[in-house]
Amino acid sequence: MKKFLLFLTAAIMAVTAFAKDIKTVTFTVDPPMHCEKCEARIKNQLKFEKGIKSIDASAEKQTVTIVYDADKTSTAKLAVSLKKIGYTATKKK
């Protein structure tokens, strides 16, 4: 019984240690994106940010949607990363 409880405790600790806090945020950007090159520029800048899982930049919708690991980055860091290439990011509700 003790071995089972020890195993169960270890398994729970392992699952908790590997659990990730995956979040999604959508920003609108200013100045507006005009073309695919604008989208690519944003994607290329953000891909170096730690914790990024996926990026969707849409010139048509004027949005940037990012799936990220909240344990490694934050919306504030992502906004700063966009600011480095000249875009002011506003979190969309």
C-alpha atoms as a PDB file:
ATOM      1  CA  MET A   1       0.000   0.000   0.000  1.00  0.00           C
ATOM      2  CA  LYS A   2       2.832   2.401   0.839  1.00  0.00           C
ATOM      3  CA  LYS A   3       4.482   1.731  -2.509  1.00  0.00           C
ATOM      4  CA  PHE A   4       1.209   2.496  -4.299  1.00  0.00           C
ATOM      5  CA  LEU A   5       0.767   5.786  -2.427  1.00  0.00           C
ATOM      6  CA  LEU A   6       4.375   6.732  -3.128  1.00  0.00           C
ATOM      7  CA  PHE A   7       3.904   5.929  -6.822  1.00  0.00           C
ATOM      8  CA  LEU A   8       0.637   7.873  -6.955  1.00  0.00           C
ATOM      9  CA  THR A   9       2.229  10.907  -5.273  1.00  0.00           C
ATOM     10  CA  ALA A  10       5.172  10.823  -7.679  1.00  0.00           C
ATOM     11  CA  ALA A  11       2.832  10.545 -10.675  1.00  0.00           C
ATOM     12  CA  ILE A  12       0.762  13.527  -9.529  1.00  0.00           C
ATOM     13  CA  MET A  13       3.904  15.611  -8.982  1.00  0.00           C
ATOM     14  CA  ALA A  14       5.196  14.702 -12.446  1.00  0.00           C
ATOM     15  CA  VAL A  15       1.933  15.670 -14.157  1.00  0.00           C
ATOM     16  CA  THR A  16       1.812  18.960 -12.249  1.00  0.00           C
ATOM     17  CA  ALA A  17       5.414  19.776 -13.150  1.00  0.00           C
ATOM     18  CA  PHE A  18       4.740  19.334 -16.851  1.00  0.00           C
ATOM     19  CA  ALA A  19       1.370  21.118 -16.960  1.00  0.00           C
ATOM     20  CA  LYS A  20       1.525  24.236 -19.109  1.00  0.00           C
ATOM     21  CA  ASP A  21      -0.561  27.344 -18.923  1.00  0.00           C
ATOM     22  CA  ILE A  22      -1.390  27.787 -22.627  1.00  0.00           C
ATOM     23  CA  LYS A  23      -3.246  31.009 -23.448  1.00  0.00           C
ATOM     24  CA  THR A  24      -4.428  32.845 -26.541  1.00  0.00           C
ATOM     25  CA  VAL A  25      -4.392  36.609 -27.052  1.00  0.00           C
ATOM     26  CA  THR A  26      -5.569  38.684 -29.987  1.00  0.00           C
ATOM     27  CA  PHE A  27      -4.139  42.137 -30.632  1.00  0.00           C
ATOM     28  CA  THR A  28      -5.100  44.859 -33.052  1.00  0.00           C
ATOM     29  CA  VAL A  29      -2.070  46.757 -34.317  1.00  0.00           C
ATOM     30  CA  ASP A  30      -1.376  50.317 -35.306  1.00  0.00           C
ATOM     31  CA  PRO A  31      -0.262  51.306 -37.911  1.00  0.00           C
ATOM     32  CA  PRO A  32      -2.439  48.947 -39.949  1.00  0.00           C
ATOM     33  CA  MET A  33      -0.933  45.989 -41.782  1.00  0.00           C
ATOM     34  CA  HIS A  34      -1.198  46.390 -45.551  1.00  0.00           C
ATOM     35  CA  CYS A  35       0.034  43.149 -47.068  1.00  0.00           C
ATOM     36  CA  GLU A  36       1.561  39.703 -46.623  1.00  0.00           C
ATOM     37  CA  LYS A  37       4.974  41.288 -46.005  1.00  0.00           C
ATOM     38  CA  CYS A  38       3.531  43.064 -42.963  1.00  0.00           C
ATOM     39  CA  GLU A  39       2.139  39.758 -41.700  1.00  0.00           C
ATOM     40  CA  ALA A  40       5.474  38.008 -42.288  1.00  0.00           C
ATOM     41  CA  ARG A  41       7.385  40.780 -40.497  1.00  0.00           C
ATOM     42  CA  ILE A  42       5.229  40.361 -37.406  1.00  0.00           C
ATOM     43  CA  LYS A  43       5.501  36.561 -37.471  1.00  0.00           C
ATOM     44  CA  ASN A  44       9.279  36.715 -37.914  1.00  0.00           C
ATOM     45  CA  GLN A  45       9.663  39.092 -34.959  1.00  0.00           C
ATOM     46  CA  LEU A  46       7.451  37.123 -32.591  1.00  0.00           C
ATOM     47  CA  LYS A  47       8.799  33.661 -33.391  1.00  0.00           C
ATOM     48  CA  PHE A  48      11.883  34.443 -31.284  1.00  0.00           C
ATOM     49  CA  GLU A  49       9.843  35.197 -28.159  1.00  0.00           C
ATOM     50  CA  LYS A  50      10.000  32.324 -25.651  1.00  0.00           C
ATOM     51  CA  GLY A  51       6.833  30.307 -25.205  1.00  0.00           C
ATOM     52  CA  ILE A  52       5.199  31.073 -28.559  1.00  0.00           C
ATOM     53  CA  LYS A  53       3.176  28.131 -29.850  1.00  0.00           C
ATOM     54  CA  SER A  54       1.564  29.737 -32.907  1.00  0.00           C
ATOM     55  CA  ILE A  55       1.087  33.133 -34.549  1.00  0.00           C
ATOM     56  CA  ASP A  56      -1.609  34.249 -36.961  1.00  0.00           C
ATOM     57  CA  ALA A  57      -1.267  37.734 -38.419  1.00  0.00           C
ATOM     58  CA  SER A  58      -4.118  38.883 -40.648  1.00  0.00           C
ATOM     59  CA  ALA A  59      -3.900  42.070 -42.699  1.00  0.00           C
ATOM     60  CA  GLU A  60      -7.500  41.517 -43.751  1.00  0.00           C
ATOM     61  CA  LYS A  61      -8.792  41.453 -40.153  1.00  0.00           C
ATOM     62  CA  GLN A  62      -6.043  43.745 -38.797  1.00  0.00           C
ATOM     63  CA  THR A  63      -5.364  41.285 -35.974  1.00  0.00           C
ATOM     64  CA  VAL A  64      -2.491  39.263 -34.572  1.00  0.00           C
ATOM     65  CA  THR A  65      -3.543  36.132 -32.668  1.00  0.00           C
ATOM     66  CA  ILE A  66      -0.910  34.387 -30.579  1.00  0.00           C
ATOM     67  CA  VAL A  67      -1.057  31.099 -28.694  1.00  0.00           C
ATOM     68  CA  TYR A  68       1.608  31.094 -25.989  1.00  0.00           C
ATOM     69  CA  ASP A  69       2.830  29.452 -22.800  1.00  0.00           C
ATOM     70  CA  ALA A  70       2.017  31.910 -20.008  1.00  0.00           C
ATOM     71  CA  ASP A  71       4.783  30.388 -17.871  1.00  0.00           C
ATOM     72  CA  LYS A  72       7.361  31.673 -20.379  1.00  0.00           C
ATOM     73  CA  THR A  73       5.952  34.966 -21.667  1.00  0.00           C
ATOM     74  CA  SER A  74       3.116  37.443 -21.165  1.00  0.00           C
ATOM     75  CA  THR A  75       0.879  39.712 -23.194  1.00  0.00           C
ATOM     76  CA  ALA A  76       2.996  42.663 -22.057  1.00  0.00           C
ATOM     77  CA  LYS A  77       6.184  41.054 -23.411  1.00  0.00           C
ATOM     78  CA  LEU A  78       4.440  40.247 -26.674  1.00  0.00           C
ATOM     79  CA  ALA A  79       3.285  43.868 -26.995  1.00  0.00           C
ATOM     80  CA  VAL A  80       6.871  45.053 -26.391  1.00  0.00           C
ATOM     81  CA  SER A  81       8.096  42.676 -29.080  1.00  0.00           C
ATOM     82  CA  LEU A  82       5.608  44.190 -31.537  1.00  0.00           C
ATOM     83  CA  LYS A  83       6.658  47.697 -30.477  1.00  0.00           C
ATOM     84  CA  LYS A  84      10.266  46.878 -31.491  1.00  0.00           C
ATOM     85  CA  ILE A  85       9.147  46.677 -35.125  1.00  0.00           C
ATOM     86  CA  GLY A  86       6.940  49.741 -35.007  1.00  0.00           C
ATOM     87  CA  TYR A  87       3.506  48.359 -34.103  1.00  0.00           C
ATOM     88  CA  THR A  88       1.451  49.463 -31.120  1.00  0.00           C
ATOM     89  CA  ALA A  89      -0.518  46.459 -29.919  1.00  0.00           C
ATOM     90  CA  THR A  90      -3.913  46.761 -28.274  1.00  0.00           C
ATOM     91  CA  LYS A  91      -5.421  43.691 -26.681  1.00  0.00           C
ATOM     92  CA  LYS A  92      -8.717  42.858 -28.349  1.00  0.00           C
ATOM     93  CA  LYS A  93     -11.629  41.979 -26.076  1.00  0.00           C
END
